[in-house]
Amino acid sequence: MKIPHPLDISTRYPVGTFVLATFFCVLIASFSIQVETVNNVDYFTLEDSDAAFYRSFKKQFGGDEFFVIALHAENIFVPEVLKLLQDLTKKLEQLQDVRKVTSLANVDDLIGGEDTFEVRRFLETIPDDTAALEAMRQRAVAKVLYRGNLISADGRTASVMVFVHDRPNDHDYRLRLLAEVEHMLDQYKRRSPYYLSH
């Protein structure tokens, strides 16, 4: 007895093949609804001594999850853009899921003398005159810890680093937080282009 080829069956009984295929598609789709997506890499961490050490480290020093907002302007060191940077940094610090925010608006500045050194905010005050703003730009791009991290070498792009709380039992909070941040950033679009990297 010759066994018919599957293609012969599907062409000979097209309606039956369509009904059968539809049935299996609906069956698979009904199970796919119950599949839970996980947006937390910690979920995939193996349970070993390294994982235990990692959790202990995060508990003591905080999580390592962060995203970056980059603000771009022809010159970051003008009063309007610096005020925008200050305002954005303060608003991000107030978000519930944000642990820490680092930008030129709140980073510490170490100023050393012959026998002493002073620690203060880099952007304590925003200068009014062009010469003082240019001196501030040169100071920022000259600092190794700032250049390439918080400010570009040409002084045209500033970054805001946003560190988030660790929420191992809430797999979707990062997506909610990013949506909240993007909604917040909409008001800055006309004043300065931004880029969100996560």
N, C-alpha and C. Protein backbone atom coordinates (compact mmCIF):
# COMPACT_ATOMS: atom_id res chain seq x y z
N MET A 1 0.85 -1.20 0.00
CA MET A 1 0.00 0.00 0.00
C MET A 1 0.88 1.25 0.00
N LYS A 2 0.62 2.12 -0.96
CA LYS A 2 1.41 3.33 -1.07
C LYS A 2 0.91 4.39 -0.10
N ILE A 3 1.87 4.92 0.72
CA ILE A 3 1.51 5.97 1.69
C ILE A 3 1.51 7.32 0.97
N PRO A 4 0.39 8.05 1.04
CA PRO A 4 0.32 9.33 0.32
C PRO A 4 1.27 10.37 0.92
N HIS A 5 1.78 11.18 0.07
CA HIS A 5 2.67 12.25 0.51
C HIS A 5 1.83 13.35 1.19
N PRO A 6 2.35 14.00 2.26
CA PRO A 6 1.58 15.05 2.96
C PRO A 6 1.10 16.16 2.04
N LEU A 7 1.91 16.49 1.01
CA LEU A 7 1.49 17.54 0.09
C LEU A 7 0.29 17.11 -0.73
N ASP A 8 0.24 15.80 -1.05
CA ASP A 8 -0.91 15.28 -1.80
C ASP A 8 -2.17 15.38 -0.97
N ILE A 9 -2.04 15.10 0.35
CA ILE A 9 -3.21 15.16 1.23
C ILE A 9 -3.72 16.59 1.34
N SER A 10 -2.77 17.55 1.50
CA SER A 10 -3.19 18.94 1.67
C SER A 10 -3.84 19.51 0.42
N THR A 11 -3.38 19.06 -0.76
CA THR A 11 -3.99 19.56 -1.99
C THR A 11 -5.30 18.84 -2.29
N ARG A 12 -5.42 17.58 -1.85
CA ARG A 12 -6.64 16.82 -2.09
C ARG A 12 -7.76 17.24 -1.13
N TYR A 13 -7.36 17.60 0.11
CA TYR A 13 -8.36 18.00 1.11
C TYR A 13 -7.99 19.38 1.66
N PRO A 14 -8.09 20.43 0.86
CA PRO A 14 -7.64 21.76 1.30
C PRO A 14 -8.44 22.31 2.48
N VAL A 15 -9.75 22.09 2.49
CA VAL A 15 -10.58 22.62 3.58
C VAL A 15 -10.24 21.93 4.89
N GLY A 16 -10.10 20.63 4.85
CA GLY A 16 -9.76 19.88 6.06
C GLY A 16 -8.38 20.26 6.59
N THR A 17 -7.44 20.45 5.66
CA THR A 17 -6.08 20.85 6.06
C THR A 17 -6.10 22.22 6.72
N PHE A 18 -6.89 23.16 6.13
CA PHE A 18 -7.00 24.52 6.68
C PHE A 18 -7.61 24.49 8.08
N VAL A 19 -8.67 23.70 8.25
CA VAL A 19 -9.33 23.61 9.57
C VAL A 19 -8.38 23.03 10.61
N LEU A 20 -7.64 21.98 10.22
CA LEU A 20 -6.70 21.33 11.14
C LEU A 20 -5.57 22.28 11.53
N ALA A 21 -5.02 23.03 10.55
CA ALA A 21 -3.94 23.98 10.82
C ALA A 21 -4.43 25.11 11.72
N THR A 22 -5.65 25.58 11.45
CA THR A 22 -6.23 26.64 12.29
C THR A 22 -6.41 26.17 13.72
N PHE A 23 -6.85 24.94 13.89
CA PHE A 23 -7.03 24.38 15.23
C PHE A 23 -5.72 24.38 16.02
N PHE A 24 -4.65 23.92 15.36
CA PHE A 24 -3.35 23.87 16.05
C PHE A 24 -2.81 25.27 16.35
N CYS A 25 -3.05 26.22 15.46
CA CYS A 25 -2.61 27.61 15.69
C CYS A 25 -3.32 28.21 16.90
N VAL A 26 -4.63 27.98 16.98
CA VAL A 26 -5.41 28.49 18.12
C VAL A 26 -4.95 27.82 19.41
N LEU A 27 -4.68 26.52 19.34
CA LEU A 27 -4.22 25.78 20.52
C LEU A 27 -2.90 26.34 21.03
N ILE A 28 -1.94 26.56 20.12
CA ILE A 28 -0.63 27.09 20.51
C ILE A 28 -0.75 28.51 21.04
N ALA A 29 -1.61 29.33 20.39
CA ALA A 29 -1.79 30.72 20.82
C ALA A 29 -2.39 30.80 22.22
N SER A 30 -3.29 29.85 22.56
CA SER A 30 -3.90 29.87 23.89
C SER A 30 -2.87 29.61 24.98
N PHE A 31 -1.86 28.81 24.69
CA PHE A 31 -0.79 28.57 25.66
C PHE A 31 0.20 29.72 25.72
N SER A 32 0.42 30.40 24.57
CA SER A 32 1.40 31.49 24.53
C SER A 32 0.96 32.68 25.38
N ILE A 33 -0.36 32.83 25.59
CA ILE A 33 -0.86 33.92 26.43
C ILE A 33 -0.35 33.78 27.86
N GLN A 34 -0.17 32.54 28.29
CA GLN A 34 0.24 32.28 29.67
C GLN A 34 1.75 32.40 29.87
N VAL A 35 2.51 32.62 28.78
CA VAL A 35 3.96 32.73 28.89
C VAL A 35 4.31 34.09 29.48
N GLU A 36 5.12 34.10 30.53
CA GLU A 36 5.52 35.33 31.20
C GLU A 36 6.90 35.75 30.72
N THR A 37 7.01 37.00 30.26
CA THR A 37 8.30 37.52 29.84
C THR A 37 9.02 38.10 31.06
N VAL A 38 10.32 37.97 31.07
CA VAL A 38 11.14 38.44 32.19
C VAL A 38 12.12 39.48 31.67
N ASN A 39 12.08 40.68 32.26
CA ASN A 39 12.96 41.76 31.84
C ASN A 39 14.05 42.01 32.87
N ASN A 40 14.47 40.98 33.54
CA ASN A 40 15.48 41.11 34.59
C ASN A 40 16.53 40.02 34.38
N VAL A 41 17.78 40.44 34.12
CA VAL A 41 18.82 39.45 33.85
C VAL A 41 19.14 38.62 35.08
N ASP A 42 18.84 39.14 36.28
CA ASP A 42 19.11 38.38 37.50
C ASP A 42 18.32 37.08 37.54
N TYR A 43 17.21 37.01 36.82
CA TYR A 43 16.38 35.81 36.79
C TYR A 43 17.14 34.63 36.20
N PHE A 44 18.10 34.92 35.32
CA PHE A 44 18.83 33.87 34.62
C PHE A 44 20.16 33.53 35.28
N THR A 45 20.45 34.14 36.42
CA THR A 45 21.71 33.89 37.11
C THR A 45 21.70 32.50 37.74
N LEU A 46 22.76 31.76 37.54
CA LEU A 46 22.86 30.43 38.12
C LEU A 46 23.08 30.51 39.62
N GLU A 47 22.57 29.57 40.34
CA GLU A 47 22.72 29.54 41.79
C GLU A 47 24.04 28.87 42.15
N ASP A 48 25.08 29.66 42.31
CA ASP A 48 26.35 29.13 42.74
C ASP A 48 27.01 30.15 43.66
N SER A 49 28.27 29.90 44.04
CA SER A 49 28.94 30.80 44.97
C SER A 49 29.15 32.18 44.38
N ASP A 50 29.40 32.25 43.06
CA ASP A 50 29.58 33.55 42.42
C ASP A 50 28.29 34.36 42.46
N ALA A 51 27.15 33.69 42.23
CA ALA A 51 25.87 34.39 42.28
C ALA A 51 25.59 34.89 43.70
N ALA A 52 25.92 34.10 44.70
CA ALA A 52 25.72 34.51 46.09
C ALA A 52 26.58 35.72 46.42
N PHE A 53 27.83 35.72 45.94
CA PHE A 53 28.72 36.86 46.16
C PHE A 53 28.18 38.11 45.47
N TYR A 54 27.66 37.93 44.26
CA TYR A 54 27.11 39.06 43.50
C TYR A 54 25.93 39.69 44.23
N ARG A 55 25.03 38.84 44.76
CA ARG A 55 23.88 39.35 45.50
C ARG A 55 24.33 40.07 46.77
N SER A 56 25.33 39.52 47.44
CA SER A 56 25.86 40.15 48.65
C SER A 56 26.47 41.51 48.32
N PHE A 57 27.19 41.58 47.21
CA PHE A 57 27.81 42.83 46.77
C PHE A 57 26.74 43.88 46.48
N LYS A 58 25.68 43.49 45.77
CA LYS A 58 24.62 44.43 45.43
C LYS A 58 23.88 44.91 46.67
N LYS A 59 23.72 44.01 47.65
CA LYS A 59 23.04 44.39 48.88
C LYS A 59 23.83 45.45 49.65
N GLN A 60 25.15 45.33 49.61
CA GLN A 60 25.99 46.27 50.36
C GLN A 60 26.25 47.56 49.60
N PHE A 61 26.47 47.48 48.28
CA PHE A 61 26.88 48.66 47.52
C PHE A 61 25.80 49.17 46.56
N GLY A 62 24.67 48.47 46.47
CA GLY A 62 23.63 48.90 45.55
C GLY A 62 23.72 48.16 44.23
N GLY A 63 22.64 48.23 43.43
CA GLY A 63 22.60 47.52 42.16
C GLY A 63 23.50 48.17 41.12
N ASP A 64 23.70 47.46 40.02
CA ASP A 64 24.57 47.95 38.96
C ASP A 64 23.79 48.29 37.69
N GLU A 65 22.47 48.32 37.76
CA GLU A 65 21.66 48.64 36.61
C GLU A 65 21.59 50.16 36.44
N PHE A 66 21.78 50.63 35.22
CA PHE A 66 21.67 52.06 34.96
C PHE A 66 21.36 52.29 33.50
N PHE A 67 20.92 53.51 33.20
CA PHE A 67 20.77 53.93 31.81
C PHE A 67 21.29 55.36 31.70
N VAL A 68 21.51 55.80 30.48
CA VAL A 68 22.15 57.09 30.24
C VAL A 68 21.27 57.95 29.36
N ILE A 69 21.14 59.22 29.75
CA ILE A 69 20.48 60.22 28.92
C ILE A 69 21.55 61.19 28.44
N ALA A 70 21.63 61.40 27.15
CA ALA A 70 22.62 62.32 26.59
C ALA A 70 21.91 63.55 26.04
N LEU A 71 22.33 64.72 26.49
CA LEU A 71 21.80 65.99 25.99
C LEU A 71 22.81 66.59 25.03
N HIS A 72 22.33 67.03 23.88
CA HIS A 72 23.24 67.57 22.87
C HIS A 72 22.87 69.02 22.57
N ALA A 73 23.88 69.87 22.49
CA ALA A 73 23.69 71.28 22.13
C ALA A 73 24.95 71.77 21.46
N GLU A 74 24.84 72.87 20.75
CA GLU A 74 26.01 73.46 20.11
C GLU A 74 27.08 73.78 21.14
N ASN A 75 26.61 74.19 22.33
CA ASN A 75 27.51 74.42 23.46
C ASN A 75 26.74 74.14 24.74
N ILE A 76 27.17 73.13 25.48
CA ILE A 76 26.50 72.79 26.74
C ILE A 76 26.64 73.92 27.76
N PHE A 77 27.76 74.65 27.70
CA PHE A 77 28.08 75.62 28.73
C PHE A 77 27.54 77.01 28.42
N VAL A 78 26.21 77.05 28.34
CA VAL A 78 25.47 78.30 28.29
C VAL A 78 24.40 78.18 29.37
N PRO A 79 23.98 79.31 29.97
CA PRO A 79 23.05 79.25 31.11
C PRO A 79 21.79 78.43 30.86
N GLU A 80 21.20 78.55 29.67
CA GLU A 80 19.95 77.84 29.40
C GLU A 80 20.12 76.32 29.48
N VAL A 81 21.17 75.81 28.86
CA VAL A 81 21.39 74.36 28.84
C VAL A 81 21.82 73.86 30.22
N LEU A 82 22.64 74.61 30.92
CA LEU A 82 23.06 74.20 32.26
C LEU A 82 21.89 74.18 33.23
N LYS A 83 20.98 75.13 33.10
CA LYS A 83 19.76 75.11 33.94
C LYS A 83 18.89 73.92 33.60
N LEU A 84 18.80 73.61 32.31
CA LEU A 84 18.06 72.42 31.88
C LEU A 84 18.66 71.17 32.50
N LEU A 85 19.99 71.08 32.51
CA LEU A 85 20.68 69.92 33.08
C LEU A 85 20.41 69.81 34.58
N GLN A 86 20.43 70.93 35.27
CA GLN A 86 20.12 70.95 36.70
C GLN A 86 18.68 70.49 36.95
N ASP A 87 17.75 71.02 36.18
CA ASP A 87 16.34 70.71 36.35
C ASP A 87 16.06 69.24 36.08
N LEU A 88 16.62 68.71 35.00
CA LEU A 88 16.42 67.30 34.66
C LEU A 88 17.00 66.39 35.73
N THR A 89 18.19 66.71 36.22
CA THR A 89 18.83 65.89 37.26
C THR A 89 17.98 65.85 38.52
N LYS A 90 17.44 66.98 38.95
CA LYS A 90 16.60 67.04 40.15
C LYS A 90 15.32 66.23 39.97
N LYS A 91 14.70 66.34 38.80
CA LYS A 91 13.45 65.60 38.57
C LYS A 91 13.69 64.10 38.53
N LEU A 92 14.80 63.67 37.94
CA LEU A 92 15.11 62.24 37.90
C LEU A 92 15.38 61.71 39.30
N GLU A 93 16.04 62.50 40.14
CA GLU A 93 16.34 62.07 41.51
C GLU A 93 15.08 61.84 42.33
N GLN A 94 13.98 62.46 41.94
CA GLN A 94 12.73 62.34 42.69
C GLN A 94 11.90 61.12 42.29
N LEU A 95 12.29 60.43 41.23
CA LEU A 95 11.53 59.24 40.80
C LEU A 95 11.72 58.10 41.80
N GLN A 96 10.66 57.39 42.06
CA GLN A 96 10.66 56.35 43.10
C GLN A 96 11.64 55.23 42.81
N ASP A 97 11.76 54.83 41.57
CA ASP A 97 12.62 53.68 41.23
C ASP A 97 14.07 54.06 40.95
N VAL A 98 14.40 55.34 41.07
CA VAL A 98 15.76 55.80 40.81
C VAL A 98 16.55 55.83 42.11
N ARG A 99 17.70 55.20 42.12
CA ARG A 99 18.56 55.14 43.31
C ARG A 99 19.53 56.30 43.35
N LYS A 100 20.11 56.66 42.22
CA LYS A 100 21.11 57.72 42.18
C LYS A 100 21.20 58.29 40.77
N VAL A 101 21.46 59.59 40.69
CA VAL A 101 21.64 60.26 39.40
C VAL A 101 22.98 60.99 39.45
N THR A 102 23.76 60.85 38.39
CA THR A 102 25.05 61.53 38.31
C THR A 102 25.14 62.33 37.03
N SER A 103 25.43 63.61 37.15
CA SER A 103 25.63 64.49 36.00
C SER A 103 26.53 65.63 36.44
N LEU A 104 26.86 66.52 35.51
CA LEU A 104 27.64 67.70 35.88
C LEU A 104 26.90 68.58 36.88
N ALA A 105 25.58 68.42 36.93
CA ALA A 105 24.78 69.26 37.83
C ALA A 105 24.95 68.89 39.30
N ASN A 106 25.37 67.65 39.59
CA ASN A 106 25.48 67.25 41.00
C ASN A 106 26.77 66.52 41.35
N VAL A 107 27.68 66.39 40.38
CA VAL A 107 28.91 65.65 40.65
C VAL A 107 29.85 66.50 41.51
N ASP A 108 30.64 65.82 42.34
CA ASP A 108 31.60 66.52 43.18
C ASP A 108 32.82 66.95 42.36
N ASP A 109 33.36 68.09 42.75
CA ASP A 109 34.54 68.64 42.10
C ASP A 109 35.64 68.77 43.15
N LEU A 110 36.75 68.14 42.89
CA LEU A 110 37.89 68.17 43.82
C LEU A 110 38.85 69.27 43.37
N ILE A 111 39.02 70.26 44.23
CA ILE A 111 39.90 71.39 43.93
C ILE A 111 41.06 71.36 44.91
N GLY A 112 42.25 71.14 44.39
CA GLY A 112 43.42 71.00 45.24
C GLY A 112 44.28 72.25 45.27
N GLY A 113 44.86 72.51 46.46
CA GLY A 113 45.81 73.60 46.62
C GLY A 113 47.18 73.03 46.96
N GLU A 114 48.06 73.85 47.49
CA GLU A 114 49.40 73.38 47.85
C GLU A 114 49.34 72.39 49.01
N ASP A 115 48.58 72.73 50.04
CA ASP A 115 48.52 71.87 51.23
C ASP A 115 47.11 71.38 51.54
N THR A 116 46.13 71.84 50.83
CA THR A 116 44.75 71.48 51.13
C THR A 116 44.01 71.14 49.84
N PHE A 117 42.82 70.57 50.00
CA PHE A 117 41.94 70.38 48.86
C PHE A 117 40.50 70.59 49.33
N GLU A 118 39.68 70.97 48.41
CA GLU A 118 38.29 71.29 48.72
C GLU A 118 37.38 70.47 47.82
N VAL A 119 36.29 69.94 48.39
CA VAL A 119 35.31 69.18 47.61
C VAL A 119 34.00 69.97 47.59
N ARG A 120 33.53 70.25 46.41
CA ARG A 120 32.25 70.96 46.27
C ARG A 120 31.59 70.56 44.96
N ARG A 121 30.36 70.95 44.77
CA ARG A 121 29.66 70.63 43.54
C ARG A 121 30.30 71.36 42.36
N PHE A 122 30.43 70.64 41.26
CA PHE A 122 31.02 71.26 40.07
C PHE A 122 30.15 72.42 39.59
N LEU A 123 28.85 72.24 39.62
CA LEU A 123 27.93 73.25 39.11
C LEU A 123 27.18 73.90 40.27
N GLU A 124 27.93 74.45 41.23
CA GLU A 124 27.30 75.14 42.35
C GLU A 124 26.50 76.33 41.88
N THR A 125 27.09 77.13 41.04
CA THR A 125 26.41 78.29 40.47
C THR A 125 26.65 78.32 38.97
N ILE A 126 25.72 78.92 38.26
CA ILE A 126 25.86 79.06 36.81
C ILE A 126 26.33 80.48 36.50
N PRO A 127 27.52 80.61 35.93
CA PRO A 127 28.04 81.95 35.64
C PRO A 127 27.18 82.69 34.61
N ASP A 128 27.26 84.01 34.66
CA ASP A 128 26.51 84.84 33.71
C ASP A 128 27.35 85.25 32.51
N ASP A 129 28.65 85.45 32.73
CA ASP A 129 29.46 85.99 31.64
C ASP A 129 30.11 84.88 30.83
N THR A 130 30.40 85.19 29.59
CA THR A 130 30.93 84.23 28.63
C THR A 130 32.29 83.68 29.05
N ALA A 131 33.13 84.54 29.60
CA ALA A 131 34.48 84.11 29.98
C ALA A 131 34.43 83.05 31.08
N ALA A 132 33.58 83.25 32.08
CA ALA A 132 33.45 82.29 33.18
C ALA A 132 32.86 80.97 32.70
N LEU A 133 31.92 81.04 31.76
CA LEU A 133 31.33 79.82 31.19
C LEU A 133 32.36 79.04 30.39
N GLU A 134 33.19 79.76 29.64
CA GLU A 134 34.25 79.10 28.87
C GLU A 134 35.27 78.46 29.79
N ALA A 135 35.59 79.13 30.91
CA ALA A 135 36.53 78.56 31.89
C ALA A 135 35.95 77.29 32.50
N MET A 136 34.64 77.30 32.74
CA MET A 136 33.98 76.11 33.28
C MET A 136 34.02 74.96 32.27
N ARG A 137 33.82 75.27 31.01
CA ARG A 137 33.87 74.24 29.96
C ARG A 137 35.27 73.61 29.90
N GLN A 138 36.29 74.47 29.93
CA GLN A 138 37.66 73.97 29.87
C GLN A 138 37.99 73.11 31.09
N ARG A 139 37.48 73.50 32.27
CA ARG A 139 37.71 72.71 33.47
C ARG A 139 37.05 71.34 33.37
N ALA A 140 35.85 71.32 32.81
CA ALA A 140 35.10 70.06 32.71
C ALA A 140 35.78 69.09 31.75
N VAL A 141 36.14 69.55 30.57
CA VAL A 141 36.71 68.65 29.57
C VAL A 141 38.15 68.26 29.92
N ALA A 142 38.78 69.03 30.82
CA ALA A 142 40.15 68.70 31.23
C ALA A 142 40.18 67.60 32.29
N LYS A 143 39.06 67.39 32.99
CA LYS A 143 39.03 66.39 34.06
C LYS A 143 38.80 65.00 33.46
N VAL A 144 39.70 64.09 33.75
CA VAL A 144 39.63 62.74 33.19
C VAL A 144 38.35 62.01 33.61
N LEU A 145 37.91 62.24 34.84
CA LEU A 145 36.71 61.56 35.34
C LEU A 145 35.43 62.08 34.68
N TYR A 146 35.46 63.29 34.17
CA TYR A 146 34.29 63.86 33.52
C TYR A 146 34.29 63.59 32.02
N ARG A 147 35.44 63.82 31.38
CA ARG A 147 35.53 63.73 29.92
C ARG A 147 35.28 62.31 29.45
N GLY A 148 34.34 62.17 28.55
CA GLY A 148 33.98 60.85 28.03
C GLY A 148 32.95 60.14 28.88
N ASN A 149 32.66 60.67 30.06
CA ASN A 149 31.63 60.08 30.93
C ASN A 149 30.45 61.03 31.12
N LEU A 150 30.75 62.24 31.58
CA LEU A 150 29.70 63.22 31.83
C LEU A 150 29.67 64.34 30.80
N ILE A 151 30.75 64.51 30.07
CA ILE A 151 30.81 65.54 29.05
C ILE A 151 31.71 65.05 27.91
N SER A 152 31.33 65.37 26.69
CA SER A 152 32.17 64.98 25.55
C SER A 152 33.37 65.91 25.46
N ALA A 153 34.38 65.48 24.76
CA ALA A 153 35.62 66.24 24.65
C ALA A 153 35.42 67.60 24.00
N ASP A 154 34.40 67.71 23.14
CA ASP A 154 34.14 69.00 22.48
C ASP A 154 33.15 69.87 23.25
N GLY A 155 32.66 69.38 24.40
CA GLY A 155 31.75 70.17 25.22
C GLY A 155 30.37 70.36 24.63
N ARG A 156 29.97 69.47 23.71
CA ARG A 156 28.66 69.63 23.04
C ARG A 156 27.64 68.58 23.47
N THR A 157 28.07 67.59 24.22
CA THR A 157 27.15 66.55 24.69
C THR A 157 27.41 66.27 26.16
N ALA A 158 26.35 66.35 26.97
CA ALA A 158 26.45 66.04 28.40
C ALA A 158 25.58 64.82 28.69
N SER A 159 26.05 63.97 29.57
CA SER A 159 25.29 62.77 29.91
C SER A 159 24.77 62.83 31.34
N VAL A 160 23.64 62.18 31.53
CA VAL A 160 23.04 62.01 32.85
C VAL A 160 22.94 60.51 33.08
N MET A 161 23.67 60.02 34.07
CA MET A 161 23.67 58.59 34.37
C MET A 161 22.65 58.32 35.47
N VAL A 162 21.71 57.43 35.19
CA VAL A 162 20.61 57.15 36.11
C VAL A 162 20.73 55.71 36.61
N PHE A 163 21.00 55.55 37.91
CA PHE A 163 21.13 54.23 38.52
C PHE A 163 19.80 53.88 39.19
N VAL A 164 19.33 52.67 38.96
CA VAL A 164 18.00 52.29 39.43
C VAL A 164 18.08 51.31 40.60
N HIS A 165 16.99 51.24 41.36
CA HIS A 165 16.91 50.30 42.46
C HIS A 165 16.81 48.87 41.92
N ASP A 166 17.23 47.93 42.73
CA ASP A 166 17.14 46.52 42.37
C ASP A 166 15.75 46.02 42.75
N ARG A 167 14.99 45.52 41.77
CA ARG A 167 13.64 45.01 42.03
C ARG A 167 13.53 43.59 41.46
N PRO A 168 14.15 42.60 42.12
CA PRO A 168 14.18 41.24 41.55
C PRO A 168 12.81 40.59 41.42
N ASN A 169 11.84 41.05 42.20
CA ASN A 169 10.51 40.43 42.16
C ASN A 169 9.54 41.17 41.25
N ASP A 170 10.00 42.25 40.66
CA ASP A 170 9.16 43.02 39.74
C ASP A 170 9.86 43.05 38.39
N HIS A 171 9.46 42.17 37.50
CA HIS A 171 10.18 41.98 36.24
C HIS A 171 9.94 43.11 35.24
N ASP A 172 8.90 43.91 35.42
CA ASP A 172 8.55 44.91 34.42
C ASP A 172 8.80 46.34 34.87
N TYR A 173 9.39 46.52 36.04
CA TYR A 173 9.51 47.89 36.55
C TYR A 173 10.46 48.71 35.69
N ARG A 174 11.46 48.10 35.07
CA ARG A 174 12.38 48.87 34.22
C ARG A 174 11.64 49.47 33.03
N LEU A 175 10.74 48.69 32.44
CA LEU A 175 9.97 49.20 31.30
C LEU A 175 9.08 50.36 31.74
N ARG A 176 8.46 50.25 32.92
CA ARG A 176 7.61 51.32 33.43
C ARG A 176 8.44 52.57 33.70
N LEU A 177 9.63 52.38 34.28
CA LEU A 177 10.49 53.51 34.60
C LEU A 177 10.96 54.22 33.33
N LEU A 178 11.38 53.45 32.34
CA LEU A 178 11.84 54.05 31.08
C LEU A 178 10.71 54.81 30.39
N ALA A 179 9.50 54.27 30.47
CA ALA A 179 8.35 54.97 29.87
C ALA A 179 8.10 56.28 30.62
N GLU A 180 8.24 56.27 31.93
CA GLU A 180 8.06 57.47 32.75
C GLU A 180 9.13 58.52 32.41
N VAL A 181 10.36 58.05 32.23
CA VAL A 181 11.46 58.97 31.91
C VAL A 181 11.26 59.56 30.52
N GLU A 182 10.87 58.75 29.56
CA GLU A 182 10.66 59.25 28.20
C GLU A 182 9.54 60.28 28.18
N HIS A 183 8.49 60.06 28.99
CA HIS A 183 7.41 61.04 29.09
C HIS A 183 7.94 62.35 29.68
N MET A 184 8.82 62.24 30.68
CA MET A 184 9.42 63.42 31.30
C MET A 184 10.28 64.18 30.29
N LEU A 185 11.03 63.44 29.46
CA LEU A 185 11.96 64.06 28.52
C LEU A 185 11.26 64.78 27.37
N ASP A 186 9.99 64.45 27.14
CA ASP A 186 9.27 65.08 26.04
C ASP A 186 9.25 66.60 26.16
N GLN A 187 9.22 67.12 27.39
CA GLN A 187 9.15 68.56 27.58
C GLN A 187 10.46 69.26 27.24
N TYR A 188 11.56 68.47 27.12
CA TYR A 188 12.86 69.07 26.82
C TYR A 188 13.21 69.01 25.33
N LYS A 189 12.36 68.40 24.53
CA LYS A 189 12.70 68.18 23.13
C LYS A 189 13.01 69.48 22.39
N ARG A 190 12.21 70.50 22.61
CA ARG A 190 12.40 71.75 21.87
C ARG A 190 13.62 72.52 22.37
N ARG A 191 13.99 72.29 23.63
CA ARG A 191 15.08 73.06 24.22
C ARG A 191 16.44 72.43 23.93
N SER A 192 16.50 71.11 23.87
CA SER A 192 17.76 70.44 23.58
C SER A 192 17.49 68.99 23.17
N PRO A 193 18.07 68.55 22.05
CA PRO A 193 17.89 67.14 21.67
C PRO A 193 18.46 66.21 22.73
N TYR A 194 17.82 65.08 22.93
CA TYR A 194 18.30 64.10 23.91
C TYR A 194 18.30 62.72 23.29
N TYR A 195 19.09 61.84 23.90
CA TYR A 195 19.16 60.45 23.47
C TYR A 195 19.14 59.58 24.73
N LEU A 196 18.29 58.57 24.71
CA LEU A 196 18.15 57.68 25.86
C LEU A 196 18.73 56.34 25.50
N SER A 197 19.75 55.91 26.26
CA SER A 197 20.40 54.61 26.02
C SER A 197 20.19 53.72 27.23
N HIS A 198 19.68 52.51 26.99
CA HIS A 198 19.42 51.59 28.10
C HIS A 198 19.66 50.15 27.70
